[in-house]
Amino acid sequence: MDTNSLDALDHLDDAIAAAAFRRLVRHLQHRHDAQNIELMGLAGFCRNCLADWIRDAGFDGDKAAARELIHGMPQDEWKATRQKPATEEQLAAMEASVAKNRVD
């Protein structure tokens, strides 16, 4: 992404950004078939990352509360009803993808 695109993103109206974020979270709550490990492998972030990011942005709740907000249910319930065991291939893809997140 070039500098002009980043500058434009920084000037995006907060209400528009918030609406897009809420739509993303609702989409991920609906698409529980998209596993976190798969999201990590493809994009380098997942629902848990979003929960961490809202905490970094000032959300007052703890990690569990942030994850419940993003998952739409307590994380233990999410794991029990939605999460499948990760394969070796998924874990390898996640590790490779997360390595791309590092900014020097």
PDB file of N, CA and C in Angstrom:
ATOM      1  N   MET A   1       0.859  -1.170   0.000  1.00  0.00           N
ATOM      2  CA  MET A   1       0.000   0.000   0.000  1.00  0.00           C
ATOM      3  C   MET A   1       0.902   1.229   0.000  1.00  0.00           C
ATOM      4  N   ASP A   2       0.597   2.191  -0.838  1.00  0.00           N
ATOM      5  CA  ASP A   2       1.437   3.380  -0.907  1.00  0.00           C
ATOM      6  C   ASP A   2       1.066   4.374   0.187  1.00  0.00           C
ATOM      7  N   THR A   3       1.921   5.368   0.373  1.00  0.00           N
ATOM      8  CA  THR A   3       1.736   6.352   1.436  1.00  0.00           C
ATOM      9  C   THR A   3       0.426   7.110   1.292  1.00  0.00           C
ATOM     10  N   ASN A   4       0.029   7.456   0.055  1.00  0.00           N
ATOM     11  CA  ASN A   4      -1.225   8.184  -0.147  1.00  0.00           C
ATOM     12  C   ASN A   4      -2.423   7.382   0.332  1.00  0.00           C
ATOM     13  N   SER A   5      -2.412   6.075   0.092  1.00  0.00           N
ATOM     14  CA  SER A   5      -3.515   5.227   0.551  1.00  0.00           C
ATOM     15  C   SER A   5      -3.572   5.186   2.069  1.00  0.00           C
ATOM     16  N   LEU A   6      -2.398   5.101   2.710  1.00  0.00           N
ATOM     17  CA  LEU A   6      -2.369   5.094   4.172  1.00  0.00           C
ATOM     18  C   LEU A   6      -2.844   6.417   4.733  1.00  0.00           C
ATOM     19  N   ASP A   7      -2.457   7.526   4.109  1.00  0.00           N
ATOM     20  CA  ASP A   7      -2.909   8.837   4.561  1.00  0.00           C
ATOM     21  C   ASP A   7      -4.430   8.944   4.449  1.00  0.00           C
ATOM     22  N   ALA A   8      -4.987   8.467   3.345  1.00  0.00           N
ATOM     23  CA  ALA A   8      -6.439   8.511   3.159  1.00  0.00           C
ATOM     24  C   ALA A   8      -7.137   7.671   4.223  1.00  0.00           C
ATOM     25  N   LEU A   9      -6.583   6.528   4.550  1.00  0.00           N
ATOM     26  CA  LEU A   9      -7.171   5.664   5.569  1.00  0.00           C
ATOM     27  C   LEU A   9      -7.164   6.356   6.930  1.00  0.00           C
ATOM     28  N   ASP A  10      -6.082   7.060   7.239  1.00  0.00           N
ATOM     29  CA  ASP A  10      -6.006   7.778   8.515  1.00  0.00           C
ATOM     30  C   ASP A  10      -7.032   8.901   8.610  1.00  0.00           C
ATOM     31  N   HIS A  11      -7.524   9.384   7.483  1.00  0.00           N
ATOM     32  CA  HIS A  11      -8.500  10.460   7.475  1.00  0.00           C
ATOM     33  C   HIS A  11      -9.933   9.962   7.259  1.00  0.00           C
ATOM     34  N   LEU A  12     -10.114   8.658   7.246  1.00  0.00           N
ATOM     35  CA  LEU A  12     -11.448   8.083   7.116  1.00  0.00           C
ATOM     36  C   LEU A  12     -12.273   8.478   8.334  1.00  0.00           C
ATOM     37  N   ASP A  13     -13.470   8.944   8.106  1.00  0.00           N
ATOM     38  CA  ASP A  13     -14.363   9.355   9.185  1.00  0.00           C
ATOM     39  C   ASP A  13     -14.536   8.202  10.184  1.00  0.00           C
ATOM     40  N   ASP A  14     -14.451   8.521  11.460  1.00  0.00           N
ATOM     41  CA  ASP A  14     -14.559   7.493  12.506  1.00  0.00           C
ATOM     42  C   ASP A  14     -15.880   6.739  12.455  1.00  0.00           C
ATOM     43  N   ALA A  15     -16.966   7.429  12.134  1.00  0.00           N
ATOM     44  CA  ALA A  15     -18.276   6.761  12.065  1.00  0.00           C
ATOM     45  C   ALA A  15     -18.300   5.734  10.938  1.00  0.00           C
ATOM     46  N   ILE A  16     -17.686   6.065   9.817  1.00  0.00           N
ATOM     47  CA  ILE A  16     -17.622   5.122   8.695  1.00  0.00           C
ATOM     48  C   ILE A  16     -16.736   3.936   9.065  1.00  0.00           C
ATOM     49  N   ALA A  17     -15.593   4.215   9.661  1.00  0.00           N
ATOM     50  CA  ALA A  17     -14.687   3.142  10.074  1.00  0.00           C
ATOM     51  C   ALA A  17     -15.358   2.233  11.097  1.00  0.00           C
ATOM     52  N   ALA A  18     -16.080   2.810  12.037  1.00  0.00           N
ATOM     53  CA  ALA A  18     -16.770   2.021  13.062  1.00  0.00           C
ATOM     54  C   ALA A  18     -17.844   1.144  12.447  1.00  0.00           C
ATOM     55  N   ALA A  19     -18.594   1.690  11.493  1.00  0.00           N
ATOM     56  CA  ALA A  19     -19.649   0.910  10.833  1.00  0.00           C
ATOM     57  C   ALA A  19     -19.041  -0.255  10.059  1.00  0.00           C
ATOM     58  N   ALA A  20     -17.926  -0.016   9.384  1.00  0.00           N
ATOM     59  CA  ALA A  20     -17.260  -1.088   8.636  1.00  0.00           C
ATOM     60  C   ALA A  20     -16.720  -2.155   9.592  1.00  0.00           C
ATOM     61  N   PHE A  21     -16.171  -1.733  10.729  1.00  0.00           N
ATOM     62  CA  PHE A  21     -15.670  -2.681  11.720  1.00  0.00           C
ATOM     63  C   PHE A  21     -16.806  -3.551  12.261  1.00  0.00           C
ATOM     64  N   ARG A  22     -17.932  -2.925  12.592  1.00  0.00           N
ATOM     65  CA  ARG A  22     -19.074  -3.689  13.106  1.00  0.00           C
ATOM     66  C   ARG A  22     -19.575  -4.686  12.063  1.00  0.00           C
ATOM     67  N   ARG A  23     -19.572  -4.274  10.811  1.00  0.00           N
ATOM     68  CA  ARG A  23     -19.997  -5.195   9.747  1.00  0.00           C
ATOM     69  C   ARG A  23     -19.023  -6.362   9.625  1.00  0.00           C
ATOM     70  N   LEU A  24     -17.739  -6.090   9.729  1.00  0.00           N
ATOM     71  CA  LEU A  24     -16.738  -7.164   9.695  1.00  0.00           C
ATOM     72  C   LEU A  24     -16.960  -8.148  10.841  1.00  0.00           C
ATOM     73  N   VAL A  25     -17.174  -7.643  12.037  1.00  0.00           N
ATOM     74  CA  VAL A  25     -17.379  -8.528  13.201  1.00  0.00           C
ATOM     75  C   VAL A  25     -18.647  -9.348  13.028  1.00  0.00           C
ATOM     76  N   ARG A  26     -19.725  -8.732  12.589  1.00  0.00           N
ATOM     77  CA  ARG A  26     -20.975  -9.488  12.362  1.00  0.00           C
ATOM     78  C   ARG A  26     -20.776 -10.558  11.286  1.00  0.00           C
ATOM     79  N   HIS A  27     -20.032 -10.209  10.252  1.00  0.00           N
ATOM     80  CA  HIS A  27     -19.741 -11.168   9.188  1.00  0.00           C
ATOM     81  C   HIS A  27     -18.966 -12.363   9.746  1.00  0.00           C
ATOM     82  N   LEU A  28     -17.966 -12.105  10.563  1.00  0.00           N
ATOM     83  CA  LEU A  28     -17.179 -13.200  11.142  1.00  0.00           C
ATOM     84  C   LEU A  28     -18.001 -14.024  12.130  1.00  0.00           C
ATOM     85  N   GLN A  29     -18.935 -13.381  12.837  1.00  0.00           N
ATOM     86  CA  GLN A  29     -19.811 -14.139  13.730  1.00  0.00           C
ATOM     87  C   GLN A  29     -20.737 -15.045  12.927  1.00  0.00           C
ATOM     88  N   HIS A  30     -21.187 -14.579  11.791  1.00  0.00           N
ATOM     89  CA  HIS A  30     -22.044 -15.387  10.917  1.00  0.00           C
ATOM     90  C   HIS A  30     -21.249 -16.495  10.239  1.00  0.00           C
ATOM     91  N   ARG A  31     -20.037 -16.192   9.803  1.00  0.00           N
ATOM     92  CA  ARG A  31     -19.215 -17.149   9.062  1.00  0.00           C
ATOM     93  C   ARG A  31     -18.288 -17.909  10.006  1.00  0.00           C
ATOM     94  N   HIS A  32     -18.896 -18.581  10.973  1.00  0.00           N
ATOM     95  CA  HIS A  32     -18.084 -19.345  11.917  1.00  0.00           C
ATOM     96  C   HIS A  32     -17.385 -20.521  11.252  1.00  0.00           C
ATOM     97  N   ASP A  33     -17.760 -20.827   9.986  1.00  0.00           N
ATOM     98  CA  ASP A  33     -17.049 -21.879   9.265  1.00  0.00           C
ATOM     99  C   ASP A  33     -15.643 -21.433   8.879  1.00  0.00           C
ATOM    100  N   ALA A  34     -15.401 -20.123   8.847  1.00  0.00           N
ATOM    101  CA  ALA A  34     -14.050 -19.611   8.596  1.00  0.00           C
ATOM    102  C   ALA A  34     -13.290 -19.691   9.916  1.00  0.00           C
ATOM    103  N   GLN A  35     -12.476 -20.702  10.037  1.00  0.00           N
ATOM    104  CA  GLN A  35     -11.744 -20.957  11.273  1.00  0.00           C
ATOM    105  C   GLN A  35     -10.670 -19.896  11.507  1.00  0.00           C
ATOM    106  N   ASN A  36     -10.412 -19.587  12.772  1.00  0.00           N
ATOM    107  CA  ASN A  36      -9.362 -18.622  13.100  1.00  0.00           C
ATOM    108  C   ASN A  36      -8.018 -19.032  12.506  1.00  0.00           C
ATOM    109  N   ILE A  37      -7.697 -20.302  12.565  1.00  0.00           N
ATOM    110  CA  ILE A  37      -6.414 -20.772  12.042  1.00  0.00           C
ATOM    111  C   ILE A  37      -6.326 -20.506  10.540  1.00  0.00           C
ATOM    112  N   GLU A  38      -7.446 -20.637   9.839  1.00  0.00           N
ATOM    113  CA  GLU A  38      -7.461 -20.351   8.399  1.00  0.00           C
ATOM    114  C   GLU A  38      -7.297 -18.863   8.139  1.00  0.00           C
ATOM    115  N   LEU A  39      -7.968 -18.038   8.930  1.00  0.00           N
ATOM    116  CA  LEU A  39      -7.811 -16.591   8.798  1.00  0.00           C
ATOM    117  C   LEU A  39      -6.360 -16.187   9.048  1.00  0.00           C
ATOM    118  N   MET A  40      -5.758 -16.794  10.066  1.00  0.00           N
ATOM    119  CA  MET A  40      -4.356 -16.492  10.361  1.00  0.00           C
ATOM    120  C   MET A  40      -3.460 -16.909   9.201  1.00  0.00           C
ATOM    121  N   GLY A  41      -3.748 -18.053   8.613  1.00  0.00           N
ATOM    122  CA  GLY A  41      -2.934 -18.551   7.519  1.00  0.00           C
ATOM    123  C   GLY A  41      -3.042 -17.713   6.260  1.00  0.00           C
ATOM    124  N   LEU A  42      -4.213 -17.147   6.034  1.00  0.00           N
ATOM    125  CA  LEU A  42      -4.419 -16.346   4.829  1.00  0.00           C
ATOM    126  C   LEU A  42      -4.102 -14.862   5.029  1.00  0.00           C
ATOM    127  N   ALA A  43      -4.537 -14.325   6.152  1.00  0.00           N
ATOM    128  CA  ALA A  43      -4.463 -12.876   6.322  1.00  0.00           C
ATOM    129  C   ALA A  43      -3.565 -12.418   7.469  1.00  0.00           C
ATOM    130  N   GLY A  44      -3.127 -13.357   8.300  1.00  0.00           N
ATOM    131  CA  GLY A  44      -2.257 -12.979   9.406  1.00  0.00           C
ATOM    132  C   GLY A  44      -2.984 -12.356  10.581  1.00  0.00           C
ATOM    133  N   PHE A  45      -4.308 -12.489  10.624  1.00  0.00           N
ATOM    134  CA  PHE A  45      -5.078 -12.029  11.780  1.00  0.00           C
ATOM    135  C   PHE A  45      -6.336 -12.879  11.890  1.00  0.00           C
ATOM    136  N   CYS A  46      -6.957 -12.848  13.065  1.00  0.00           N
ATOM    137  CA  CYS A  46      -8.185 -13.618  13.288  1.00  0.00           C
ATOM    138  C   CYS A  46      -9.075 -12.871  14.275  1.00  0.00           C
ATOM    139  N   ARG A  47     -10.107 -13.523  14.706  1.00  0.00           N
ATOM    140  CA  ARG A  47     -11.043 -12.917  15.664  1.00  0.00           C
ATOM    141  C   ARG A  47     -10.332 -12.526  16.949  1.00  0.00           C
ATOM    142  N   ASN A  48      -9.426 -13.370  17.419  1.00  0.00           N
ATOM    143  CA  ASN A  48      -8.704 -13.058  18.652  1.00  0.00           C
ATOM    144  C   ASN A  48      -7.837 -11.814  18.480  1.00  0.00           C
ATOM    145  N   CYS A  49      -7.265 -11.639  17.296  1.00  0.00           N
ATOM    146  CA  CYS A  49      -6.489 -10.427  17.012  1.00  0.00           C
ATOM    147  C   CYS A  49      -7.387  -9.199  17.100  1.00  0.00           C
ATOM    148  N   LEU A  50      -8.576  -9.286  16.514  1.00  0.00           N
ATOM    149  CA  LEU A  50      -9.507  -8.163  16.586  1.00  0.00           C
ATOM    150  C   LEU A  50      -9.827  -7.823  18.041  1.00  0.00           C
ATOM    151  N   ALA A  51      -9.997  -8.850  18.862  1.00  0.00           N
ATOM    152  CA  ALA A  51     -10.258  -8.618  20.284  1.00  0.00           C
ATOM    153  C   ALA A  51      -9.070  -7.904  20.930  1.00  0.00           C
ATOM    154  N   ASP A  52      -7.862  -8.309  20.590  1.00  0.00           N
ATOM    155  CA  ASP A  52      -6.672  -7.631  21.125  1.00  0.00           C
ATOM    156  C   ASP A  52      -6.622  -6.183  20.642  1.00  0.00           C
ATOM    157  N   TRP A  53      -6.962  -5.967  19.381  1.00  0.00           N
ATOM    158  CA  TRP A  53      -6.892  -4.622  18.806  1.00  0.00           C
ATOM    159  C   TRP A  53      -7.904  -3.680  19.444  1.00  0.00           C
ATOM    160  N   ILE A  54      -9.097  -4.179  19.792  1.00  0.00           N
ATOM    161  CA  ILE A  54     -10.050  -3.276  20.448  1.00  0.00           C
ATOM    162  C   ILE A  54      -9.575  -2.929  21.853  1.00  0.00           C
ATOM    163  N   ARG A  55      -8.887  -3.861  22.487  1.00  0.00           N
ATOM    164  CA  ARG A  55      -8.305  -3.551  23.800  1.00  0.00           C
ATOM    165  C   ARG A  55      -7.201  -2.516  23.649  1.00  0.00           C
ATOM    166  N   ASP A  56      -6.359  -2.680  22.626  1.00  0.00           N
ATOM    167  CA  ASP A  56      -5.300  -1.700  22.363  1.00  0.00           C
ATOM    168  C   ASP A  56      -5.878  -0.313  22.072  1.00  0.00           C
ATOM    169  N   ALA A  57      -7.084  -0.293  21.485  1.00  0.00           N
ATOM    170  CA  ALA A  57      -7.737   0.972  21.128  1.00  0.00           C
ATOM    171  C   ALA A  57      -8.471   1.620  22.305  1.00  0.00           C
ATOM    172  N   GLY A  58      -8.525   0.921  23.452  1.00  0.00           N
ATOM    173  CA  GLY A  58      -9.123   1.525  24.632  1.00  0.00           C
ATOM    174  C   GLY A  58     -10.326   0.817  25.214  1.00  0.00           C
ATOM    175  N   PHE A  59     -10.718  -0.351  24.668  1.00  0.00           N
ATOM    176  CA  PHE A  59     -11.829  -1.116  25.243  1.00  0.00           C
ATOM    177  C   PHE A  59     -11.520  -1.396  26.709  1.00  0.00           C
ATOM    178  N   ASP A  60     -12.478  -1.131  27.587  1.00  0.00           N
ATOM    179  CA  ASP A  60     -12.245  -1.248  29.024  1.00  0.00           C
ATOM    180  C   ASP A  60     -12.250  -2.677  29.541  1.00  0.00           C
ATOM    181  N   GLY A  61     -12.848  -3.603  28.786  1.00  0.00           N
ATOM    182  CA  GLY A  61     -12.958  -4.977  29.265  1.00  0.00           C
ATOM    183  C   GLY A  61     -11.632  -5.725  29.210  1.00  0.00           C
ATOM    184  N   ASP A  62     -11.614  -6.854  29.888  1.00  0.00           N
ATOM    185  CA  ASP A  62     -10.416  -7.694  29.861  1.00  0.00           C
ATOM    186  C   ASP A  62     -10.401  -8.529  28.583  1.00  0.00           C
ATOM    187  N   LYS A  63      -9.389  -9.376  28.452  1.00  0.00           N
ATOM    188  CA  LYS A  63      -9.217 -10.190  27.247  1.00  0.00           C
ATOM    189  C   LYS A  63     -10.447 -11.062  26.996  1.00  0.00           C
ATOM    190  N   ALA A  64     -10.978 -11.685  28.041  1.00  0.00           N
ATOM    191  CA  ALA A  64     -12.150 -12.557  27.883  1.00  0.00           C
ATOM    192  C   ALA A  64     -13.360 -11.770  27.398  1.00  0.00           C
ATOM    193  N   ALA A  65     -13.569 -10.586  27.939  1.00  0.00           N
ATOM    194  CA  ALA A  65     -14.713  -9.756  27.532  1.00  0.00           C
ATOM    195  C   ALA A  65     -14.560  -9.295  26.080  1.00  0.00           C
ATOM    196  N   ALA A  66     -13.346  -8.948  25.693  1.00  0.00           N
ATOM    197  CA  ALA A  66     -13.104  -8.514  24.314  1.00  0.00           C
ATOM    198  C   ALA A  66     -13.348  -9.664  23.342  1.00  0.00           C
ATOM    199  N   ARG A  67     -12.881 -10.853  23.690  1.00  0.00           N
ATOM    200  CA  ARG A  67     -13.090 -12.001  22.817  1.00  0.00           C
ATOM    201  C   ARG A  67     -14.569 -12.375  22.743  1.00  0.00           C
ATOM    202  N   GLU A  68     -15.286 -12.267  23.846  1.00  0.00           N
ATOM    203  CA  GLU A  68     -16.728 -12.547  23.817  1.00  0.00           C
ATOM    204  C   GLU A  68     -17.444 -11.554  22.908  1.00  0.00           C
ATOM    205  N   LEU A  69     -17.039 -10.296  22.965  1.00  0.00           N
ATOM    206  CA  LEU A  69     -17.643  -9.286  22.108  1.00  0.00           C
ATOM    207  C   LEU A  69     -17.422  -9.632  20.629  1.00  0.00           C
ATOM    208  N   ILE A  70     -16.221 -10.018  20.273  1.00  0.00           N
ATOM    209  CA  ILE A  70     -15.900 -10.316  18.874  1.00  0.00           C
ATOM    210  C   ILE A  70     -16.505 -11.660  18.438  1.00  0.00           C
ATOM    211  N   HIS A  71     -16.410 -12.675  19.273  1.00  0.00           N
ATOM    212  CA  HIS A  71     -16.939 -13.996  18.913  1.00  0.00           C
ATOM    213  C   HIS A  71     -18.462 -14.064  18.976  1.00  0.00           C
ATOM    214  N   GLY A  72     -19.062 -13.180  19.781  1.00  0.00           N
ATOM    215  CA  GLY A  72     -20.507 -13.222  19.961  1.00  0.00           C
ATOM    216  C   GLY A  72     -20.930 -14.237  21.008  1.00  0.00           C
ATOM    217  N   MET A  73     -19.968 -14.754  21.736  1.00  0.00           N
ATOM    218  CA  MET A  73     -20.209 -15.736  22.803  1.00  0.00           C
ATOM    219  C   MET A  73     -18.902 -15.896  23.582  1.00  0.00           C
ATOM    220  N   PRO A  74     -18.950 -16.470  24.782  1.00  0.00           N
ATOM    221  CA  PRO A  74     -17.706 -16.710  25.513  1.00  0.00           C
ATOM    222  C   PRO A  74     -16.753 -17.589  24.690  1.00  0.00           C
ATOM    223  N   GLN A  75     -15.458 -17.327  24.826  1.00  0.00           N
ATOM    224  CA  GLN A  75     -14.486 -18.059  24.025  1.00  0.00           C
ATOM    225  C   GLN A  75     -14.554 -19.570  24.266  1.00  0.00           C
ATOM    226  N   ASP A  76     -14.781 -19.992  25.490  1.00  0.00           N
ATOM    227  CA  ASP A  76     -14.890 -21.433  25.759  1.00  0.00           C
ATOM    228  C   ASP A  76     -16.036 -22.059  24.976  1.00  0.00           C
ATOM    229  N   GLU A  77     -17.156 -21.345  24.891  1.00  0.00           N
ATOM    230  CA  GLU A  77     -18.289 -21.836  24.106  1.00  0.00           C
ATOM    231  C   GLU A  77     -17.934 -21.871  22.621  1.00  0.00           C
ATOM    232  N   TRP A  78     -17.258 -20.816  22.159  1.00  0.00           N
ATOM    233  CA  TRP A  78     -16.821 -20.774  20.755  1.00  0.00           C
ATOM    234  C   TRP A  78     -15.958 -21.988  20.433  1.00  0.00           C
ATOM    235  N   LYS A  79     -14.973 -22.240  21.292  1.00  0.00           N
ATOM    236  CA  LYS A  79     -14.064 -23.366  21.048  1.00  0.00           C
ATOM    237  C   LYS A  79     -14.819 -24.687  21.032  1.00  0.00           C
ATOM    238  N   ALA A  80     -15.757 -24.844  21.948  1.00  0.00           N
ATOM    239  CA  ALA A  80     -16.489 -26.103  22.056  1.00  0.00           C
ATOM    240  C   ALA A  80     -17.453 -26.331  20.893  1.00  0.00           C
ATOM    241  N   THR A  81     -18.021 -25.257  20.362  1.00  0.00           N
ATOM    242  CA  THR A  81     -19.064 -25.422  19.347  1.00  0.00           C
ATOM    243  C   THR A  81     -18.643 -25.053  17.932  1.00  0.00           C
ATOM    244  N   ARG A  82     -17.554 -24.318  17.787  1.00  0.00           N
ATOM    245  CA  ARG A  82     -17.186 -23.801  16.465  1.00  0.00           C
ATOM    246  C   ARG A  82     -15.784 -24.192  15.996  1.00  0.00           C
ATOM    247  N   GLN A  83     -14.869 -24.331  16.926  1.00  0.00           N
ATOM    248  CA  GLN A  83     -13.471 -24.530  16.547  1.00  0.00           C
ATOM    249  C   GLN A  83     -13.160 -25.997  16.286  1.00  0.00           C
ATOM    250  N   LYS A  84     -12.476 -26.218  15.176  1.00  0.00           N
ATOM    251  CA  LYS A  84     -12.029 -27.569  14.825  1.00  0.00           C
ATOM    252  C   LYS A  84     -10.541 -27.677  15.101  1.00  0.00           C
ATOM    253  N   PRO A  85     -10.045 -28.884  15.317  1.00  0.00           N
ATOM    254  CA  PRO A  85      -8.600 -29.039  15.534  1.00  0.00           C
ATOM    255  C   PRO A  85      -7.820 -28.570  14.302  1.00  0.00           C
ATOM    256  N   ALA A  86      -6.715 -27.885  14.546  1.00  0.00           N
ATOM    257  CA  ALA A  86      -5.875 -27.393  13.453  1.00  0.00           C
ATOM    258  C   ALA A  86      -5.033 -28.532  12.894  1.00  0.00           C
ATOM    259  N   THR A  87      -4.863 -28.514  11.584  1.00  0.00           N
ATOM    260  CA  THR A  87      -4.000 -29.499  10.929  1.00  0.00           C
ATOM    261  C   THR A  87      -2.562 -28.971  10.914  1.00  0.00           C
ATOM    262  N   GLU A  88      -1.633 -29.844  10.649  1.00  0.00           N
ATOM    263  CA  GLU A  88      -0.234 -29.437  10.535  1.00  0.00           C
ATOM    264  C   GLU A  88      -0.068 -28.407   9.411  1.00  0.00           C
ATOM    265  N   GLU A  89      -0.796 -28.603   8.314  1.00  0.00           N
ATOM    266  CA  GLU A  89      -0.727 -27.673   7.188  1.00  0.00           C
ATOM    267  C   GLU A  89      -1.238 -26.290   7.586  1.00  0.00           C
ATOM    268  N   GLN A  90      -2.330 -26.251   8.345  1.00  0.00           N
ATOM    269  CA  GLN A  90      -2.879 -24.968   8.781  1.00  0.00           C
ATOM    270  C   GLN A  90      -1.907 -24.253   9.723  1.00  0.00           C
ATOM    271  N   LEU A  91      -1.300 -25.013  10.610  1.00  0.00           N
ATOM    272  CA  LEU A  91      -0.337 -24.414  11.538  1.00  0.00           C
ATOM    273  C   LEU A  91       0.870 -23.851  10.791  1.00  0.00           C
ATOM    274  N   ALA A  92       1.357 -24.584   9.798  1.00  0.00           N
ATOM    275  CA  ALA A  92       2.496 -24.110   9.008  1.00  0.00           C
ATOM    276  C   ALA A  92       2.130 -22.855   8.221  1.00  0.00           C
ATOM    277  N   ALA A  93       0.937 -22.837   7.632  1.00  0.00           N
ATOM    278  CA  ALA A  93       0.489 -21.665   6.881  1.00  0.00           C
ATOM    279  C   ALA A  93       0.348 -20.459   7.807  1.00  0.00           C
ATOM    280  N   MET A  94      -0.161 -20.683   9.021  1.00  0.00           N
ATOM    281  CA  MET A  94      -0.300 -19.600   9.985  1.00  0.00           C
ATOM    282  C   MET A  94       1.068 -19.031  10.344  1.00  0.00           C
ATOM    283  N   GLU A  95       2.022 -19.892  10.636  1.00  0.00           N
ATOM    284  CA  GLU A  95       3.354 -19.428  11.012  1.00  0.00           C
ATOM    285  C   GLU A  95       3.983 -18.603   9.885  1.00  0.00           C
ATOM    286  N   ALA A  96       3.847 -19.066   8.642  1.00  0.00           N
ATOM    287  CA  ALA A  96       4.403 -18.337   7.504  1.00  0.00           C
ATOM    288  C   ALA A  96       3.709 -16.996   7.330  1.00  0.00           C
ATOM    289  N   SER A  97       2.406 -16.980   7.505  1.00  0.00           N
ATOM    290  CA  SER A  97       1.633 -15.757   7.337  1.00  0.00           C
ATOM    291  C   SER A  97       1.947 -14.750   8.435  1.00  0.00           C
ATOM    292  N   VAL A  98       2.007 -15.204   9.672  1.00  0.00           N
ATOM    293  CA  VAL A  98       2.289 -14.314  10.792  1.00  0.00           C
ATOM    294  C   VAL A  98       3.681 -13.711  10.661  1.00  0.00           C
ATOM    295  N   ALA A  99       4.619 -14.460  10.100  1.00  0.00           N
ATOM    296  CA  ALA A  99       5.962 -13.929   9.889  1.00  0.00           C
ATOM    297  C   ALA A  99       5.942 -12.696   8.987  1.00  0.00           C
ATOM    298  N   LYS A 100       4.978 -12.634   8.086  1.00  0.00           N
ATOM    299  CA  LYS A 100       4.846 -11.474   7.189  1.00  0.00           C
ATOM    300  C   LYS A 100       4.331 -10.244   7.932  1.00  0.00           C
ATOM    301  N   ASN A 101       3.760 -10.422   9.113  1.00  0.00           N
ATOM    302  CA  ASN A 101       3.230  -9.302   9.891  1.00  0.00           C
ATOM    303  C   ASN A 101       4.329  -8.454  10.522  1.00  0.00           C
ATOM    304  N   ARG A 102       5.488  -9.023  10.689  1.00  0.00           N
ATOM    305  CA  ARG A 102       6.581  -8.307  11.357  1.00  0.00           C
ATOM    306  C   ARG A 102       7.004  -7.111  10.519  1.00  0.00           C
ATOM    307  N   VAL A 103       7.091  -5.965  11.198  1.00  0.00           N
ATOM    308  CA  VAL A 103       7.522  -4.752  10.535  1.00  0.00           C
ATOM    309  C   VAL A 103       8.889  -4.388  11.122  1.00  0.00           C
ATOM    310  N   ASP A 104       9.842  -4.266  10.242  1.00  0.00           N
ATOM    311  CA  ASP A 104      11.207  -3.929  10.708  1.00  0.00           C
ATOM    312  C   ASP A 104      11.395  -2.436  10.868  1.00  0.00           C
TER     313      ASP A 104
END
